[in-house]
Amino acid sequence: MVRNSKMKKLENNHIIIVSIATALCLIGDSMLYITLPIYWEDAGLTSIWQVGFLLSINRFVRLPANPIIGWIYKKITLRTGLLIAVIIGSITTVGYGVVEGFIGWVILRGLWGIAWSFFRIGGLSAVVLFAEDNSRGKAMGLYNGLHRLGSLFGMLLGGILVPLFGFNIISILFGIVSVAGLPIILFRLKEQPISSETVFKKSTNKGFFKNDIGSTITIMFSGFFIAMLIQGILAATLSSLIEYHFGEKPSLLGIVISVTALSGIIQSARWVWEPFLGTKVGIWSDGKRGRIPLYIGFLALSSILFGMLSLHLPIFVWLFIILLVMAASTAITTLTDAIASDVARATNAISFLTIYSIVQDLGAAIGPFTGYYFIEKVKGYYYLYWGSSIVLLLLMLAWCSVFLYKKLTSNQVIHTDGLGK
């Protein structure tokens, strides 16, 4: 009993350390999604299309970088990989406040893409390695919730502080803050270095998803489209969407607020509840009913709400809908990653996680570019967001098919691998 308690503590410690280091470096990146669509001229850019390109290019860089970084992790420890990530992430964030011009920004965003690959593959691998089968959903919710606190502070503080002090000063300040990740990694991971051989060993788990090609393909498509819609389209176009509906300075109860501040508050609300709601959803998915029925339900809810964001509604009605979308997004991203970790445990973990990271990055990269392409068209927001609703509906139907097929063809019940009783 004491040994199990110590193992749980060790599991949580590693996941918390990775999450905090990631969160500190996410502050600068997340700030850009709120401020760059409005203050792009301060960065030395000459056209709005360059904003969409820059918010996407770091993800395209990760496509070829992920396999290379996965191979590097086989040669180094997780601790070393995170140190590399923090150093690169800090340099790029400071660079946002120093470098001007499109070419310089392309280089900075490319470097951030490399840093995020180290963070993402390392973080997912830590969850797969340390979390027990009956608590993997909870562990994934904890990991996602904690590291996305960086997005909370980046979007909230960025949206409020940039209009007051300027884009350049706040970028440099956030870059300095991210350096705090170095001592956390150096001192907190020093006693328990994680060798690459241990992190990336092939799992022997004979789970429900073992050799299940259909479910593997479905989770890959889910990872792609969820990243495209939530991390890409929604995050990149929310400021512009608010301006489209309510003007540059929306009024709430007679109080005028800037578009960037309101967008920052809305997106930050998700990161406030993420550690709690994400962990709670993970715990629910670890239960007897499993992950897939819960996943189907949240996909259905999101498919209804997403399109409604394009409608001209009273501001408080619209704000209620966007908050519901954000809450559902927390659940969907947690469950997508949790199901992916189930599949990873049932296959070769490093190979699967590398491919999974690639398809997520591809979706997240296409998202901003797609969003800015549509919003320049007549009724662009309408087609963009109702089209997103259709995609979510199709994903829901795909998982309904997987669920029913498993129920009809197998009597095996392993709730930790996604189905439950």
Protein backbone atom coordinates (compact mmCIF):
# COMPACT_ATOMS: atom_id res chain seq x y z
CA MET A 1 0.00 0.00 0.00
CA VAL A 2 2.86 2.35 0.89
CA ARG A 3 4.66 1.35 -2.30
CA ASN A 4 1.56 2.17 -4.39
CA SER A 5 1.31 5.57 -2.69
CA LYS A 6 4.95 6.32 -3.49
CA MET A 7 4.49 5.23 -7.11
CA LYS A 8 1.45 7.50 -7.44
CA LYS A 9 3.41 10.40 -6.00
CA LEU A 10 6.29 9.74 -8.40
CA GLU A 11 3.86 9.55 -11.32
CA ASN A 12 2.23 12.86 -10.43
CA ASN A 13 5.56 14.58 -9.73
CA HIS A 14 6.97 13.82 -13.16
CA ILE A 15 3.78 14.87 -14.93
CA ILE A 16 3.52 18.10 -12.90
CA ILE A 17 7.16 19.05 -13.59
CA VAL A 18 6.78 18.52 -17.34
CA SER A 19 3.50 20.45 -17.33
CA ILE A 20 4.83 23.48 -15.45
CA ALA A 21 7.93 23.79 -17.64
CA THR A 22 5.72 23.60 -20.72
CA ALA A 23 3.26 26.16 -19.34
CA LEU A 24 5.96 28.77 -18.75
CA CYS A 25 7.08 28.61 -22.37
CA LEU A 26 3.53 28.58 -23.72
CA ILE A 27 2.86 32.07 -22.36
CA GLY A 28 4.54 33.88 -25.26
CA ASP A 29 3.12 31.63 -27.96
CA SER A 30 -0.45 31.89 -26.68
CA MET A 31 -0.21 35.68 -26.44
CA LEU A 32 0.28 35.85 -30.22
CA TYR A 33 -3.14 34.35 -30.98
CA ILE A 34 -4.79 37.22 -29.15
CA THR A 35 -2.54 40.15 -30.05
CA LEU A 36 -0.92 39.47 -33.42
CA PRO A 37 -4.19 39.65 -35.43
CA ILE A 38 -4.63 43.19 -34.05
CA TYR A 39 -1.05 44.47 -33.60
CA TRP A 40 0.57 42.86 -36.63
CA GLU A 41 1.95 46.19 -37.86
CA ASP A 42 3.94 46.56 -34.60
CA ALA A 43 5.74 43.33 -35.51
CA GLY A 44 6.85 44.81 -38.81
CA LEU A 45 4.38 42.83 -40.91
CA THR A 46 2.89 44.30 -44.07
CA SER A 47 -0.29 42.26 -44.62
CA ILE A 48 -2.89 40.40 -42.58
CA TRP A 49 -2.29 37.16 -44.52
CA GLN A 50 1.17 37.06 -42.96
CA VAL A 51 -0.49 36.67 -39.55
CA GLY A 52 -2.22 33.45 -40.60
CA PHE A 53 1.00 32.16 -42.13
CA LEU A 54 3.05 32.88 -38.98
CA LEU A 55 0.48 31.27 -36.68
CA SER A 56 0.71 28.16 -38.87
CA ILE A 57 4.36 27.86 -39.88
CA ASN A 58 5.56 26.59 -36.49
CA ARG A 59 3.23 23.63 -36.88
CA PHE A 60 4.41 22.87 -40.39
CA VAL A 61 7.99 22.89 -39.07
CA ARG A 62 6.99 20.27 -36.51
CA LEU A 63 5.93 17.83 -39.25
CA PRO A 64 9.50 16.94 -40.29
CA ALA A 65 10.88 17.80 -36.83
CA ASN A 66 8.78 15.30 -34.86
CA PRO A 67 10.43 12.12 -36.22
CA ILE A 68 13.87 13.64 -35.73
CA ILE A 69 13.10 14.73 -32.17
CA GLY A 70 11.58 11.34 -31.40
CA TRP A 71 14.86 9.77 -32.51
CA ILE A 72 16.82 12.29 -30.40
CA TYR A 73 14.79 11.35 -27.33
CA LYS A 74 16.00 7.78 -27.79
CA LYS A 75 19.54 9.06 -27.25
CA ILE A 76 18.96 11.54 -24.40
CA THR A 77 16.94 11.80 -21.20
CA LEU A 78 13.59 13.50 -20.89
CA ARG A 79 15.27 16.07 -18.63
CA THR A 80 17.76 17.02 -21.35
CA GLY A 81 15.05 17.30 -23.96
CA LEU A 82 13.03 19.64 -21.76
CA LEU A 83 16.07 21.83 -21.09
CA ILE A 84 16.59 22.19 -24.83
CA ALA A 85 12.93 23.08 -25.26
CA VAL A 86 12.96 25.76 -22.55
CA ILE A 87 16.11 27.40 -23.91
CA ILE A 88 14.74 27.58 -27.46
CA GLY A 89 11.30 28.68 -26.26
CA SER A 90 12.71 31.51 -24.15
CA ILE A 91 14.90 32.80 -26.99
CA THR A 92 12.00 32.86 -29.45
CA THR A 93 9.64 34.69 -27.07
CA VAL A 94 12.20 37.41 -26.39
CA GLY A 95 12.73 37.55 -30.15
CA TYR A 96 9.08 38.48 -30.70
CA GLY A 97 9.82 41.79 -29.01
CA VAL A 98 13.10 42.42 -30.80
CA VAL A 99 12.82 41.12 -34.36
CA GLU A 100 10.87 43.01 -37.02
CA GLY A 101 9.90 41.88 -40.49
CA PHE A 102 8.30 38.82 -41.98
CA ILE A 103 11.46 36.75 -42.60
CA GLY A 104 12.72 37.20 -39.05
CA TRP A 105 9.35 36.14 -37.68
CA VAL A 106 9.30 33.04 -39.88
CA ILE A 107 12.62 31.98 -38.31
CA LEU A 108 11.34 32.62 -34.78
CA ARG A 109 8.13 30.67 -35.32
CA GLY A 110 10.09 27.81 -36.85
CA LEU A 111 12.33 27.64 -33.77
CA TRP A 112 9.27 27.61 -31.53
CA GLY A 113 7.93 24.67 -33.53
CA ILE A 114 11.08 22.70 -32.68
CA ALA A 115 10.76 23.61 -29.00
CA TRP A 116 7.13 22.50 -28.91
CA SER A 117 8.01 19.13 -30.47
CA PHE A 118 10.36 18.48 -27.55
CA PHE A 119 7.64 19.49 -25.11
CA ARG A 120 4.82 17.57 -26.76
CA ILE A 121 6.52 14.23 -27.36
CA GLY A 122 8.15 14.36 -23.94
CA GLY A 123 4.89 15.20 -22.18
CA LEU A 124 2.81 12.51 -23.87
CA SER A 125 5.55 9.96 -23.24
CA ALA A 126 5.63 10.85 -19.55
CA VAL A 127 1.89 10.17 -19.26
CA VAL A 128 2.14 6.88 -21.18
CA LEU A 129 5.07 5.73 -19.05
CA PHE A 130 4.06 6.75 -15.55
CA ALA A 131 0.25 6.54 -15.54
CA GLU A 132 -1.35 3.24 -14.56
CA ASP A 133 -3.97 1.72 -16.85
CA ASN A 134 -6.80 2.63 -14.47
CA SER A 135 -5.73 6.27 -14.07
CA ARG A 136 -4.45 7.28 -17.49
CA GLY A 137 -7.43 9.51 -18.23
CA LYS A 138 -6.90 11.36 -14.96
CA ALA A 139 -3.17 11.71 -15.70
CA MET A 140 -3.83 13.06 -19.18
CA GLY A 141 -6.33 15.56 -17.79
CA LEU A 142 -3.76 16.68 -15.21
CA TYR A 143 -1.04 17.07 -17.85
CA ASN A 144 -3.24 18.98 -20.29
CA GLY A 145 -4.79 21.11 -17.58
CA LEU A 146 -1.55 22.21 -15.96
CA HIS A 147 0.49 22.93 -19.07
CA ARG A 148 -2.36 24.93 -20.58
CA LEU A 149 -2.21 27.31 -17.65
CA GLY A 150 0.51 28.89 -19.78
CA SER A 151 -2.16 29.64 -22.36
CA LEU A 152 -4.30 31.16 -19.59
CA PHE A 153 -1.66 33.65 -18.57
CA GLY A 154 -0.48 34.26 -22.13
CA MET A 155 -3.92 35.09 -23.52
CA LEU A 156 -5.30 36.87 -20.48
CA LEU A 157 -2.27 38.95 -19.59
CA GLY A 158 -1.31 39.46 -23.22
CA GLY A 159 -4.76 40.73 -24.12
CA ILE A 160 -4.75 43.15 -21.19
CA LEU A 161 -1.11 44.28 -21.04
CA VAL A 162 -0.23 44.68 -24.72
CA PRO A 163 -2.71 47.54 -25.30
CA LEU A 164 -1.26 49.25 -22.21
CA PHE A 165 2.50 48.74 -22.56
CA GLY A 166 3.04 47.69 -26.15
CA PHE A 167 3.67 44.44 -27.97
CA ASN A 168 7.47 44.54 -27.85
CA ILE A 169 7.86 45.14 -24.11
CA ILE A 170 5.40 42.41 -23.11
CA SER A 171 7.01 39.89 -25.48
CA ILE A 172 10.42 40.44 -23.87
CA LEU A 173 8.89 40.21 -20.38
CA PHE A 174 7.16 36.90 -21.18
CA GLY A 175 10.43 35.57 -22.61
CA ILE A 176 12.23 36.34 -19.35
CA VAL A 177 9.46 34.64 -17.35
CA SER A 178 9.79 31.44 -19.41
CA VAL A 179 13.45 31.10 -18.33
CA ALA A 180 12.11 30.08 -14.91
CA GLY A 181 11.50 26.64 -16.40
CA LEU A 182 15.24 25.93 -16.36
CA PRO A 183 15.74 25.69 -12.57
CA ILE A 184 12.49 23.74 -12.20
CA ILE A 185 13.79 21.07 -14.56
CA LEU A 186 17.37 21.13 -13.28
CA PHE A 187 16.49 20.74 -9.61
CA ARG A 188 13.19 18.86 -9.65
CA LEU A 189 14.16 16.21 -12.18
CA LYS A 190 17.75 15.80 -11.02
CA GLU A 191 17.03 13.02 -8.50
CA GLN A 192 14.89 11.02 -10.92
CA PRO A 193 16.42 11.33 -14.41
CA ILE A 194 14.33 9.45 -16.96
CA SER A 195 16.38 7.57 -19.50
CA SER A 196 15.20 7.50 -23.07
CA GLU A 197 15.32 3.70 -23.04
CA THR A 198 12.77 3.64 -20.22
CA VAL A 199 10.53 6.33 -21.68
CA PHE A 200 10.27 4.79 -25.12
CA LYS A 201 10.19 1.09 -24.34
CA LYS A 202 7.64 -0.90 -26.30
CA SER A 203 4.56 -1.54 -24.22
CA THR A 204 3.53 -5.09 -23.42
CA ASN A 205 -0.02 -4.07 -22.62
CA LYS A 206 -2.49 -6.40 -24.35
CA GLY A 207 -5.24 -3.81 -24.39
CA PHE A 208 -8.46 -3.55 -26.30
CA PHE A 209 -6.80 -1.55 -29.07
CA LYS A 210 -4.05 -4.12 -29.69
CA ASN A 211 -3.60 -4.49 -33.46
CA ASP A 212 -6.84 -2.53 -34.01
CA ILE A 213 -6.20 -0.71 -37.28
CA GLY A 214 -9.68 0.79 -37.53
CA SER A 215 -9.55 2.47 -34.13
CA THR A 216 -5.98 3.61 -34.77
CA ILE A 217 -7.00 5.32 -38.01
CA THR A 218 -10.05 6.89 -36.35
CA ILE A 219 -8.01 8.39 -33.50
CA MET A 220 -5.53 9.77 -36.03
CA PHE A 221 -8.34 11.51 -37.93
CA SER A 222 -9.76 12.77 -34.64
CA GLY A 223 -6.40 14.15 -33.57
CA PHE A 224 -6.06 15.96 -36.91
CA PHE A 225 -9.50 17.57 -37.02
CA ILE A 226 -9.78 18.41 -33.32
CA ALA A 227 -6.43 20.20 -33.49
CA MET A 228 -7.49 21.96 -36.69
CA LEU A 229 -10.80 23.20 -35.29
CA ILE A 230 -9.88 24.04 -31.68
CA GLN A 231 -6.17 24.85 -31.66
CA GLY A 232 -6.19 26.25 -35.19
CA ILE A 233 -9.42 27.85 -36.37
CA LEU A 234 -11.05 28.82 -33.07
CA ALA A 235 -7.91 30.11 -31.33
CA ALA A 236 -6.68 32.05 -34.35
CA THR A 237 -9.95 33.67 -35.45
CA LEU A 238 -11.72 34.40 -32.16
CA SER A 239 -10.49 38.01 -31.93
CA SER A 240 -11.59 38.67 -35.49
CA LEU A 241 -14.92 36.92 -34.87
CA ILE A 242 -15.66 39.15 -31.87
CA GLU A 243 -14.79 42.24 -33.89
CA TYR A 244 -17.05 41.00 -36.72
CA HIS A 245 -20.01 40.60 -34.36
CA PHE A 246 -19.57 43.46 -31.90
CA GLY A 247 -17.04 45.93 -33.32
CA GLU A 248 -13.59 46.95 -32.16
CA LYS A 249 -14.75 47.96 -28.68
CA PRO A 250 -17.62 45.75 -27.43
CA SER A 251 -19.73 47.06 -24.55
CA LEU A 252 -20.59 44.88 -21.55
CA LEU A 253 -23.09 46.42 -19.13
CA GLY A 254 -21.99 49.83 -20.32
CA ILE A 255 -18.30 49.03 -19.90
CA VAL A 256 -16.25 49.33 -23.09
CA ILE A 257 -13.56 46.68 -23.49
CA SER A 258 -11.03 46.08 -26.25
CA VAL A 259 -11.40 43.13 -28.63
CA THR A 260 -8.07 41.68 -27.51
CA ALA A 261 -8.99 41.90 -23.83
CA LEU A 262 -12.38 40.24 -24.35
CA SER A 263 -10.88 37.53 -26.54
CA GLY A 264 -8.16 36.96 -23.96
CA ILE A 265 -10.71 36.66 -21.15
CA ILE A 266 -12.85 34.21 -23.12
CA GLN A 267 -10.00 31.94 -24.13
CA SER A 268 -8.40 32.22 -20.71
CA ALA A 269 -11.62 31.07 -19.05
CA ARG A 270 -10.99 27.65 -20.55
CA TRP A 271 -7.54 27.46 -19.03
CA VAL A 272 -8.91 28.46 -15.61
CA TRP A 273 -11.13 25.41 -15.39
CA GLU A 274 -8.89 23.14 -17.50
CA PRO A 275 -6.92 21.59 -14.59
CA PHE A 276 -10.16 20.77 -12.76
CA LEU A 277 -12.56 19.92 -15.59
CA GLY A 278 -9.92 18.11 -17.64
CA THR A 279 -8.93 15.97 -14.66
CA LYS A 280 -12.59 15.31 -13.80
CA VAL A 281 -13.40 14.25 -17.37
CA GLY A 282 -10.34 12.00 -17.30
CA ILE A 283 -11.56 10.37 -14.07
CA TRP A 284 -15.02 9.83 -15.60
CA SER A 285 -13.43 8.19 -18.62
CA ASP A 286 -11.42 5.85 -16.38
CA GLY A 287 -14.70 4.51 -15.00
CA LYS A 288 -16.84 1.57 -16.03
CA ARG A 289 -18.49 3.23 -19.02
CA GLY A 290 -15.16 4.15 -20.55
CA ARG A 291 -14.03 6.95 -22.82
CA ILE A 292 -15.78 6.44 -26.14
CA PRO A 293 -19.43 7.00 -25.04
CA LEU A 294 -18.34 10.16 -23.22
CA TYR A 295 -16.35 11.24 -26.27
CA ILE A 296 -19.35 10.75 -28.55
CA GLY A 297 -21.51 12.89 -26.29
CA PHE A 298 -19.13 15.85 -26.24
CA LEU A 299 -18.61 15.66 -30.00
CA ALA A 300 -22.38 15.81 -30.47
CA LEU A 301 -22.68 18.84 -28.18
CA SER A 302 -19.85 20.66 -29.94
CA SER A 303 -21.27 19.97 -33.39
CA ILE A 304 -24.38 21.93 -32.39
CA LEU A 305 -22.64 24.80 -30.63
CA PHE A 306 -19.77 25.48 -33.02
CA GLY A 307 -21.89 26.73 -35.89
CA MET A 308 -23.93 28.97 -33.59
CA LEU A 309 -20.81 31.10 -33.04
CA SER A 310 -21.28 32.54 -36.53
CA LEU A 311 -24.77 33.84 -35.72
CA HIS A 312 -25.47 37.48 -34.83
CA LEU A 313 -26.86 37.11 -31.31
CA PRO A 314 -27.14 39.37 -28.25
CA ILE A 315 -23.68 39.61 -26.72
CA PHE A 316 -24.52 37.77 -23.49
CA VAL A 317 -26.19 34.91 -25.38
CA TRP A 318 -23.16 34.66 -27.66
CA LEU A 319 -20.79 34.73 -24.67
CA PHE A 320 -22.73 31.89 -23.02
CA ILE A 321 -22.40 29.78 -26.18
CA ILE A 322 -18.66 30.42 -26.56
CA LEU A 323 -18.07 29.44 -22.93
CA LEU A 324 -19.96 26.18 -23.53
CA VAL A 325 -17.79 25.60 -26.60
CA MET A 326 -14.66 26.16 -24.51
CA ALA A 327 -15.85 23.72 -21.82
CA ALA A 328 -16.65 21.07 -24.42
CA SER A 329 -13.24 21.67 -26.01
CA THR A 330 -11.56 20.87 -22.70
CA ALA A 331 -13.37 17.55 -22.54
CA ILE A 332 -12.77 16.67 -26.19
CA THR A 333 -9.03 17.38 -26.17
CA THR A 334 -8.57 15.46 -22.92
CA LEU A 335 -10.47 12.44 -24.23
CA THR A 336 -8.74 12.50 -27.62
CA ASP A 337 -5.31 12.42 -25.98
CA ALA A 338 -6.43 9.80 -23.45
CA ILE A 339 -7.69 7.45 -26.16
CA ALA A 340 -4.47 8.07 -28.08
CA SER A 341 -2.45 7.11 -25.00
CA ASP A 342 -4.49 3.88 -24.75
CA VAL A 343 -3.56 3.03 -28.31
CA ALA A 344 0.07 3.96 -27.66
CA ARG A 345 0.25 1.53 -24.74
CA ALA A 346 -1.12 -1.23 -26.97
CA THR A 347 1.43 -0.63 -29.75
CA ASN A 348 4.95 0.73 -30.12
CA ALA A 349 4.60 3.87 -28.02
CA ILE A 350 7.27 6.09 -29.59
CA SER A 351 6.24 5.30 -33.16
CA PHE A 352 2.57 5.93 -32.46
CA LEU A 353 3.11 9.12 -30.46
CA THR A 354 5.37 10.52 -33.15
CA ILE A 355 2.76 9.93 -35.86
CA TYR A 356 -0.02 11.19 -33.59
CA SER A 357 1.94 14.39 -32.91
CA ILE A 358 2.50 14.84 -36.65
CA VAL A 359 -1.20 14.60 -37.56
CA GLN A 360 -2.12 16.96 -34.71
CA ASP A 361 0.46 19.46 -35.83
CA LEU A 362 -0.74 19.22 -39.41
CA GLY A 363 -4.31 19.93 -38.33
CA ALA A 364 -3.28 22.81 -36.06
CA ALA A 365 -1.14 24.24 -38.87
CA ILE A 366 -3.89 24.14 -41.46
CA GLY A 367 -6.42 25.65 -39.04
CA PRO A 368 -5.29 29.32 -38.91
CA PHE A 369 -4.57 29.41 -42.64
CA THR A 370 -8.01 27.94 -43.39
CA GLY A 371 -9.68 30.32 -40.98
CA TYR A 372 -8.14 33.46 -42.44
CA TYR A 373 -8.85 32.23 -45.97
CA PHE A 374 -12.58 31.91 -45.27
CA ILE A 375 -13.13 35.03 -43.17
CA GLU A 376 -12.08 37.23 -46.09
CA LYS A 377 -14.99 35.82 -48.14
CA VAL A 378 -18.61 36.92 -48.14
CA LYS A 379 -20.35 35.05 -45.29
CA GLY A 380 -16.94 33.59 -44.50
CA TYR A 381 -17.58 33.17 -40.77
CA TYR A 382 -20.85 31.38 -41.50
CA TYR A 383 -19.26 28.82 -43.81
CA LEU A 384 -16.20 28.41 -41.58
CA TYR A 385 -18.02 27.65 -38.34
CA TRP A 386 -20.95 25.66 -39.71
CA GLY A 387 -18.45 23.68 -41.77
CA SER A 388 -16.62 22.95 -38.52
CA SER A 389 -19.90 21.71 -37.05
CA ILE A 390 -20.29 19.24 -39.91
CA VAL A 391 -16.76 17.93 -39.33
CA LEU A 392 -17.52 17.35 -35.63
CA LEU A 393 -20.73 15.56 -36.56
CA LEU A 394 -18.84 13.25 -38.92
CA LEU A 395 -16.30 12.45 -36.20
CA MET A 396 -19.14 11.62 -33.83
CA LEU A 397 -20.64 9.22 -36.37
CA ALA A 398 -17.25 7.61 -36.93
CA TRP A 399 -16.83 6.90 -33.21
CA CYS A 400 -20.42 5.63 -33.01
CA SER A 401 -19.47 3.12 -35.70
CA VAL A 402 -16.33 2.09 -33.80
CA PHE A 403 -18.28 1.70 -30.58
CA LEU A 404 -21.11 -0.35 -32.12
CA TYR A 405 -18.67 -2.52 -34.07
CA LYS A 406 -16.75 -3.35 -30.90
CA LYS A 407 -19.91 -4.14 -29.02
CA LEU A 408 -21.14 -6.45 -31.77
CA THR A 409 -17.87 -8.28 -32.48
CA SER A 410 -16.20 -8.59 -29.12
CA ASN A 411 -17.15 -9.71 -25.65
CA GLN A 412 -13.92 -8.33 -24.22
CA VAL A 413 -14.50 -5.49 -21.77
CA ILE A 414 -11.51 -3.42 -20.73
CA HIS A 415 -12.74 -0.05 -19.54
CA THR A 416 -9.27 1.45 -19.32
CA ASP A 417 -8.89 1.05 -23.06
CA GLY A 418 -11.87 3.15 -23.92
CA LEU A 419 -15.07 1.09 -24.02
CA GLY A 420 -16.06 -0.04 -20.56
CA LYS A 421 -19.11 -2.03 -19.67
